[in-house]
Amino acid sequence: MNKSRLETFSDGVFAIIITIMVLELKIPESTEFTVIKPLIPVFISYVLSFLFVGIYWNNHHHLMHTAKKVNASIMWANMHLLFWLSLVPFCNGWMGRTNFDKVTVATYGVLLLFCGIAYTLLSKAITKTHSEKTNLTMALEKGNIKGRISLFFYGISVPVALYVHPLVAAAFYAIVAIMWLIPSKAIEKALDGE
């Protein structure tokens, strides 16, 4: 099955997610700081969410290049990932509007955890299409190490947000984003070698 339809559909969903998120940024009525100040948490939440969606788009792009073919399990795993990512604008807006309240920051962490799990499942579905261990499957396994670290941070961020401080949990999210901003060259090298 041709993977171009899946990639095109996914790219469209990513674009819509970012568009919905930016619509949360309301234009201030004036230039006075008292009017702009309440928008700062919304903007910070938007930046963090934009980073995550961009990171997922970038990694999704690389991941789809590793797929030799697309089957039903890959298509459903991809839809599973897109489902969780489509909830980012809701959590992003809620977290920003409530000034990073502990419940909203914890909810954001749960969402990021489900996004991470869904990405891992998609990666595993693609790996299963390869009959033997190759440089490419080994490169995907290296990415899984970063994925496990991310899932750990997302998992601990929920109780941290609820019982320690929501900004500490938000710092965990930022650490994960920074970790993924440095892209793994392993997949690109493996693709070049095949």
C-alpha atoms as a PDB file:
ATOM      1  CA  MET A   1       0.000   0.000   0.000  1.00  0.00           C
ATOM      2  CA  ASN A   2       1.280   3.475  -0.890  1.00  0.00           C
ATOM      3  CA  LYS A   3       2.266   5.582   2.121  1.00  0.00           C
ATOM      4  CA  SER A   4       1.904   8.972   0.408  1.00  0.00           C
ATOM      5  CA  ARG A   5      -1.809   9.243   1.296  1.00  0.00           C
ATOM      6  CA  LEU A   6      -1.034   8.555   4.943  1.00  0.00           C
ATOM      7  CA  GLU A   7       1.750  11.151   4.967  1.00  0.00           C
ATOM      8  CA  THR A   8      -0.407  13.762   3.220  1.00  0.00           C
ATOM      9  CA  PHE A   9      -3.312  13.221   5.595  1.00  0.00           C
ATOM     10  CA  SER A  10      -0.997  13.366   8.615  1.00  0.00           C
ATOM     11  CA  ASP A  11       0.637  16.584   7.395  1.00  0.00           C
ATOM     12  CA  GLY A  12      -2.819  18.120   7.020  1.00  0.00           C
ATOM     13  CA  VAL A  13      -3.757  17.166  10.582  1.00  0.00           C
ATOM     14  CA  PHE A  14      -0.499  18.632  11.920  1.00  0.00           C
ATOM     15  CA  ALA A  15      -1.192  21.883  10.051  1.00  0.00           C
ATOM     16  CA  ILE A  16      -4.741  22.075  11.425  1.00  0.00           C
ATOM     17  CA  ILE A  17      -3.521  21.452  14.979  1.00  0.00           C
ATOM     18  CA  ILE A  18      -1.073  24.366  14.733  1.00  0.00           C
ATOM     19  CA  THR A  19      -3.730  26.582  13.169  1.00  0.00           C
ATOM     20  CA  ILE A  20      -6.195  25.869  15.972  1.00  0.00           C
ATOM     21  CA  MET A  21      -3.520  26.567  18.584  1.00  0.00           C
ATOM     22  CA  VAL A  22      -2.612  29.946  17.136  1.00  0.00           C
ATOM     23  CA  LEU A  23      -6.282  30.966  17.197  1.00  0.00           C
ATOM     24  CA  GLU A  24      -6.071  30.774  21.011  1.00  0.00           C
ATOM     25  CA  LEU A  25      -3.790  33.825  20.909  1.00  0.00           C
ATOM     26  CA  LYS A  26      -6.232  36.709  21.174  1.00  0.00           C
ATOM     27  CA  ILE A  27      -5.189  40.134  19.940  1.00  0.00           C
ATOM     28  CA  PRO A  28      -4.827  42.559  22.877  1.00  0.00           C
ATOM     29  CA  GLU A  29      -7.168  45.546  22.955  1.00  0.00           C
ATOM     30  CA  SER A  30      -4.316  47.929  23.778  1.00  0.00           C
ATOM     31  CA  THR A  31      -0.590  48.088  24.320  1.00  0.00           C
ATOM     32  CA  GLU A  32      -0.799  48.516  28.091  1.00  0.00           C
ATOM     33  CA  PHE A  33       0.994  45.877  30.137  1.00  0.00           C
ATOM     34  CA  THR A  34      -2.110  45.277  32.260  1.00  0.00           C
ATOM     35  CA  VAL A  35      -3.885  44.036  29.134  1.00  0.00           C
ATOM     36  CA  ILE A  36      -0.902  42.049  27.806  1.00  0.00           C
ATOM     37  CA  LYS A  37       0.096  40.422  31.120  1.00  0.00           C
ATOM     38  CA  PRO A  38      -2.767  37.859  31.194  1.00  0.00           C
ATOM     39  CA  LEU A  39      -1.753  36.749  27.687  1.00  0.00           C
ATOM     40  CA  ILE A  40       1.788  35.785  28.719  1.00  0.00           C
ATOM     41  CA  PRO A  41       0.858  32.302  30.078  1.00  0.00           C
ATOM     42  CA  VAL A  42      -1.228  31.664  26.951  1.00  0.00           C
ATOM     43  CA  PHE A  43       1.745  32.589  24.761  1.00  0.00           C
ATOM     44  CA  ILE A  44       4.178  30.452  26.781  1.00  0.00           C
ATOM     45  CA  SER A  45       1.766  27.521  26.571  1.00  0.00           C
ATOM     46  CA  TYR A  46       1.490  28.075  22.812  1.00  0.00           C
ATOM     47  CA  VAL A  47       5.279  28.105  22.359  1.00  0.00           C
ATOM     48  CA  LEU A  48       5.656  24.870  24.340  1.00  0.00           C
ATOM     49  CA  SER A  49       2.834  23.177  22.418  1.00  0.00           C
ATOM     50  CA  PHE A  50       4.112  24.450  19.069  1.00  0.00           C
ATOM     51  CA  LEU A  51       7.494  22.935  19.893  1.00  0.00           C
ATOM     52  CA  PHE A  52       5.926  19.581  20.738  1.00  0.00           C
ATOM     53  CA  VAL A  53       3.753  19.484  17.625  1.00  0.00           C
ATOM     54  CA  GLY A  54       6.747  20.517  15.501  1.00  0.00           C
ATOM     55  CA  ILE A  55       8.908  17.830  17.087  1.00  0.00           C
ATOM     56  CA  TYR A  56       6.239  15.201  16.483  1.00  0.00           C
ATOM     57  CA  TRP A  57       5.836  16.345  12.870  1.00  0.00           C
ATOM     58  CA  ASN A  58       9.597  16.214  12.290  1.00  0.00           C
ATOM     59  CA  ASN A  59       9.975  12.776  13.869  1.00  0.00           C
ATOM     60  CA  HIS A  60       6.836  11.489  12.149  1.00  0.00           C
ATOM     61  CA  HIS A  61       8.383  12.558   8.844  1.00  0.00           C
ATOM     62  CA  HIS A  62      11.570  10.625   9.591  1.00  0.00           C
ATOM     63  CA  LEU A  63       9.644   7.648  10.913  1.00  0.00           C
ATOM     64  CA  MET A  64       7.448   7.386   7.822  1.00  0.00           C
ATOM     65  CA  HIS A  65      10.569   7.293   5.628  1.00  0.00           C
ATOM     66  CA  THR A  66      11.583   4.125   7.432  1.00  0.00           C
ATOM     67  CA  ALA A  67       8.355   2.350   6.467  1.00  0.00           C
ATOM     68  CA  LYS A  68       8.896   0.065   3.492  1.00  0.00           C
ATOM     69  CA  LYS A  69       5.144  -0.374   3.150  1.00  0.00           C
ATOM     70  CA  VAL A  70       1.983   0.725   4.910  1.00  0.00           C
ATOM     71  CA  ASN A  71      -0.447  -1.800   6.299  1.00  0.00           C
ATOM     72  CA  ALA A  72      -3.573  -1.607   8.451  1.00  0.00           C
ATOM     73  CA  SER A  73      -1.650  -1.714  11.742  1.00  0.00           C
ATOM     74  CA  ILE A  74       0.516   1.235  10.681  1.00  0.00           C
ATOM     75  CA  MET A  75      -2.527   3.188   9.507  1.00  0.00           C
ATOM     76  CA  TRP A  76      -4.386   2.620  12.792  1.00  0.00           C
ATOM     77  CA  ALA A  77      -1.289   3.339  14.881  1.00  0.00           C
ATOM     78  CA  ASN A  78      -0.900   6.589  12.921  1.00  0.00           C
ATOM     79  CA  MET A  79      -4.551   7.514  13.538  1.00  0.00           C
ATOM     80  CA  HIS A  80      -4.038   6.739  17.236  1.00  0.00           C
ATOM     81  CA  LEU A  81      -1.128   9.196  17.353  1.00  0.00           C
ATOM     82  CA  LEU A  82      -3.081  11.854  15.457  1.00  0.00           C
ATOM     83  CA  PHE A  83      -6.019  11.460  17.838  1.00  0.00           C
ATOM     84  CA  TRP A  84      -3.917  12.317  20.876  1.00  0.00           C
ATOM     85  CA  LEU A  85      -2.099  15.107  19.057  1.00  0.00           C
ATOM     86  CA  SER A  86      -5.446  16.608  18.024  1.00  0.00           C
ATOM     87  CA  LEU A  87      -6.169  17.209  21.731  1.00  0.00           C
ATOM     88  CA  VAL A  88      -3.064  19.397  22.138  1.00  0.00           C
ATOM     89  CA  PRO A  89      -4.927  22.635  21.233  1.00  0.00           C
ATOM     90  CA  PHE A  90      -7.516  21.946  23.945  1.00  0.00           C
ATOM     91  CA  CYS A  91      -4.940  21.247  26.668  1.00  0.00           C
ATOM     92  CA  ASN A  92      -2.732  24.064  25.418  1.00  0.00           C
ATOM     93  CA  GLY A  93      -5.563  26.599  25.651  1.00  0.00           C
ATOM     94  CA  TRP A  94      -6.786  25.324  29.003  1.00  0.00           C
ATOM     95  CA  MET A  95      -3.311  25.395  30.539  1.00  0.00           C
ATOM     96  CA  GLY A  96      -2.598  28.906  29.249  1.00  0.00           C
ATOM     97  CA  ARG A  97      -5.962  30.367  30.281  1.00  0.00           C
ATOM     98  CA  THR A  98      -5.674  28.988  33.811  1.00  0.00           C
ATOM     99  CA  ASN A  99      -2.159  30.374  34.256  1.00  0.00           C
ATOM    100  CA  PHE A 100      -0.580  26.897  34.484  1.00  0.00           C
ATOM    101  CA  ASP A 101      -2.940  25.609  37.189  1.00  0.00           C
ATOM    102  CA  LYS A 102      -1.813  22.276  38.629  1.00  0.00           C
ATOM    103  CA  VAL A 103      -4.769  20.321  37.223  1.00  0.00           C
ATOM    104  CA  THR A 104      -4.272  21.666  33.714  1.00  0.00           C
ATOM    105  CA  VAL A 105      -0.505  21.094  33.798  1.00  0.00           C
ATOM    106  CA  ALA A 106      -1.086  17.527  35.016  1.00  0.00           C
ATOM    107  CA  THR A 107      -3.666  16.994  32.253  1.00  0.00           C
ATOM    108  CA  TYR A 108      -1.150  18.278  29.725  1.00  0.00           C
ATOM    109  CA  GLY A 109       1.352  15.739  31.087  1.00  0.00           C
ATOM    110  CA  VAL A 110      -1.175  12.914  30.695  1.00  0.00           C
ATOM    111  CA  LEU A 111      -1.786  14.025  27.113  1.00  0.00           C
ATOM    112  CA  LEU A 112       1.946  14.128  26.360  1.00  0.00           C
ATOM    113  CA  LEU A 113       2.283  10.662  27.892  1.00  0.00           C
ATOM    114  CA  PHE A 114      -0.446   9.308  25.603  1.00  0.00           C
ATOM    115  CA  CYS A 115       1.147  11.035  22.593  1.00  0.00           C
ATOM    116  CA  GLY A 116       4.487   9.426  23.486  1.00  0.00           C
ATOM    117  CA  ILE A 117       2.908   5.989  23.882  1.00  0.00           C
ATOM    118  CA  ALA A 118       1.097   6.378  20.558  1.00  0.00           C
ATOM    119  CA  TYR A 119       4.330   7.390  18.797  1.00  0.00           C
ATOM    120  CA  THR A 120       6.089   4.360  20.306  1.00  0.00           C
ATOM    121  CA  LEU A 121       3.299   2.073  19.046  1.00  0.00           C
ATOM    122  CA  LEU A 122       3.573   3.590  15.563  1.00  0.00           C
ATOM    123  CA  SER A 123       7.331   3.068  15.609  1.00  0.00           C
ATOM    124  CA  LYS A 124       6.851  -0.574  16.640  1.00  0.00           C
ATOM    125  CA  ALA A 125       4.219  -1.117  13.923  1.00  0.00           C
ATOM    126  CA  ILE A 126       6.669   0.190  11.317  1.00  0.00           C
ATOM    127  CA  THR A 127       9.556  -1.880  12.720  1.00  0.00           C
ATOM    128  CA  LYS A 128       7.425  -5.031  12.374  1.00  0.00           C
ATOM    129  CA  THR A 129       7.274  -4.491   8.604  1.00  0.00           C
ATOM    130  CA  HIS A 130      11.009  -5.245   8.421  1.00  0.00           C
ATOM    131  CA  SER A 131      11.641  -8.989   8.355  1.00  0.00           C
ATOM    132  CA  GLU A 132      15.205  -8.841   9.676  1.00  0.00           C
ATOM    133  CA  LYS A 133      17.285  -6.576  11.885  1.00  0.00           C
ATOM    134  CA  THR A 134      18.879  -3.817   9.810  1.00  0.00           C
ATOM    135  CA  ASN A 135      20.703  -0.547  10.397  1.00  0.00           C
ATOM    136  CA  LEU A 136      17.291   1.085  10.136  1.00  0.00           C
ATOM    137  CA  THR A 137      15.644  -1.043  12.829  1.00  0.00           C
ATOM    138  CA  MET A 138      18.657  -0.474  15.075  1.00  0.00           C
ATOM    139  CA  ALA A 139      18.328   3.293  14.472  1.00  0.00           C
ATOM    140  CA  LEU A 140      14.666   3.095  15.479  1.00  0.00           C
ATOM    141  CA  GLU A 141      15.673   1.264  18.660  1.00  0.00           C
ATOM    142  CA  LYS A 142      18.096   4.114  19.491  1.00  0.00           C
ATOM    143  CA  GLY A 143      15.174   6.520  19.151  1.00  0.00           C
ATOM    144  CA  ASN A 144      13.224   4.325  21.547  1.00  0.00           C
ATOM    145  CA  ILE A 145      15.747   5.136  24.296  1.00  0.00           C
ATOM    146  CA  LYS A 146      14.896   8.825  23.984  1.00  0.00           C
ATOM    147  CA  GLY A 147      11.250   7.833  23.856  1.00  0.00           C
ATOM    148  CA  ARG A 148      11.487   5.876  27.108  1.00  0.00           C
ATOM    149  CA  ILE A 149      13.183   8.812  28.822  1.00  0.00           C
ATOM    150  CA  SER A 150      10.391  11.079  27.552  1.00  0.00           C
ATOM    151  CA  LEU A 151       7.685   8.726  28.812  1.00  0.00           C
ATOM    152  CA  PHE A 152       9.401   8.652  32.207  1.00  0.00           C
ATOM    153  CA  PHE A 153       9.440  12.460  32.433  1.00  0.00           C
ATOM    154  CA  TYR A 154       5.810  12.694  31.295  1.00  0.00           C
ATOM    155  CA  GLY A 155       4.794  10.066  33.835  1.00  0.00           C
ATOM    156  CA  ILE A 156       6.475  11.719  36.802  1.00  0.00           C
ATOM    157  CA  SER A 157       5.350  15.193  35.723  1.00  0.00           C
ATOM    158  CA  VAL A 158       1.713  14.392  36.544  1.00  0.00           C
ATOM    159  CA  PRO A 159       2.186  13.827  40.303  1.00  0.00           C
ATOM    160  CA  VAL A 160       4.817  16.590  40.355  1.00  0.00           C
ATOM    161  CA  ALA A 161       2.270  19.034  38.895  1.00  0.00           C
ATOM    162  CA  LEU A 162      -0.383  17.977  41.389  1.00  0.00           C
ATOM    163  CA  TYR A 163       1.682  17.619  44.562  1.00  0.00           C
ATOM    164  CA  VAL A 164       4.921  19.584  44.150  1.00  0.00           C
ATOM    165  CA  HIS A 165       4.511  22.539  41.777  1.00  0.00           C
ATOM    166  CA  PRO A 166       3.069  22.842  38.261  1.00  0.00           C
ATOM    167  CA  LEU A 167       5.992  24.915  37.002  1.00  0.00           C
ATOM    168  CA  VAL A 168       8.412  22.118  37.944  1.00  0.00           C
ATOM    169  CA  ALA A 169       6.332  19.760  35.788  1.00  0.00           C
ATOM    170  CA  ALA A 170       6.314  22.353  32.986  1.00  0.00           C
ATOM    171  CA  ALA A 171      10.108  22.463  33.276  1.00  0.00           C
ATOM    172  CA  PHE A 172      10.136  18.665  32.730  1.00  0.00           C
ATOM    173  CA  TYR A 173       8.126  19.202  29.540  1.00  0.00           C
ATOM    174  CA  ALA A 174      10.644  21.812  28.406  1.00  0.00           C
ATOM    175  CA  ILE A 175      13.545  19.425  29.131  1.00  0.00           C
ATOM    176  CA  VAL A 176      11.928  16.748  26.962  1.00  0.00           C
ATOM    177  CA  ALA A 177      11.343  19.280  24.169  1.00  0.00           C
ATOM    178  CA  ILE A 178      14.984  20.385  24.293  1.00  0.00           C
ATOM    179  CA  MET A 179      16.090  16.746  24.229  1.00  0.00           C
ATOM    180  CA  TRP A 180      14.082  16.159  21.035  1.00  0.00           C
ATOM    181  CA  LEU A 181      15.134  19.449  19.391  1.00  0.00           C
ATOM    182  CA  ILE A 182      18.493  17.830  18.806  1.00  0.00           C
ATOM    183  CA  PRO A 183      17.441  15.367  16.100  1.00  0.00           C
ATOM    184  CA  SER A 184      18.875  11.893  15.943  1.00  0.00           C
ATOM    185  CA  LYS A 185      20.963  11.426  12.834  1.00  0.00           C
ATOM    186  CA  ALA A 186      20.764   7.630  13.217  1.00  0.00           C
ATOM    187  CA  ILE A 187      17.675   7.267  10.999  1.00  0.00           C
ATOM    188  CA  GLU A 188      19.068   9.555   8.293  1.00  0.00           C
ATOM    189  CA  LYS A 189      22.381   7.647   8.265  1.00  0.00           C
ATOM    190  CA  ALA A 190      20.570   4.308   8.150  1.00  0.00           C
ATOM    191  CA  LEU A 191      18.377   5.486   5.261  1.00  0.00           C
ATOM    192  CA  ASP A 192      21.443   6.755   3.373  1.00  0.00           C
ATOM    193  CA  GLY A 193      23.135   3.365   3.895  1.00  0.00           C
ATOM    194  CA  GLU A 194      20.226   1.361   2.462  1.00  0.00           C
END
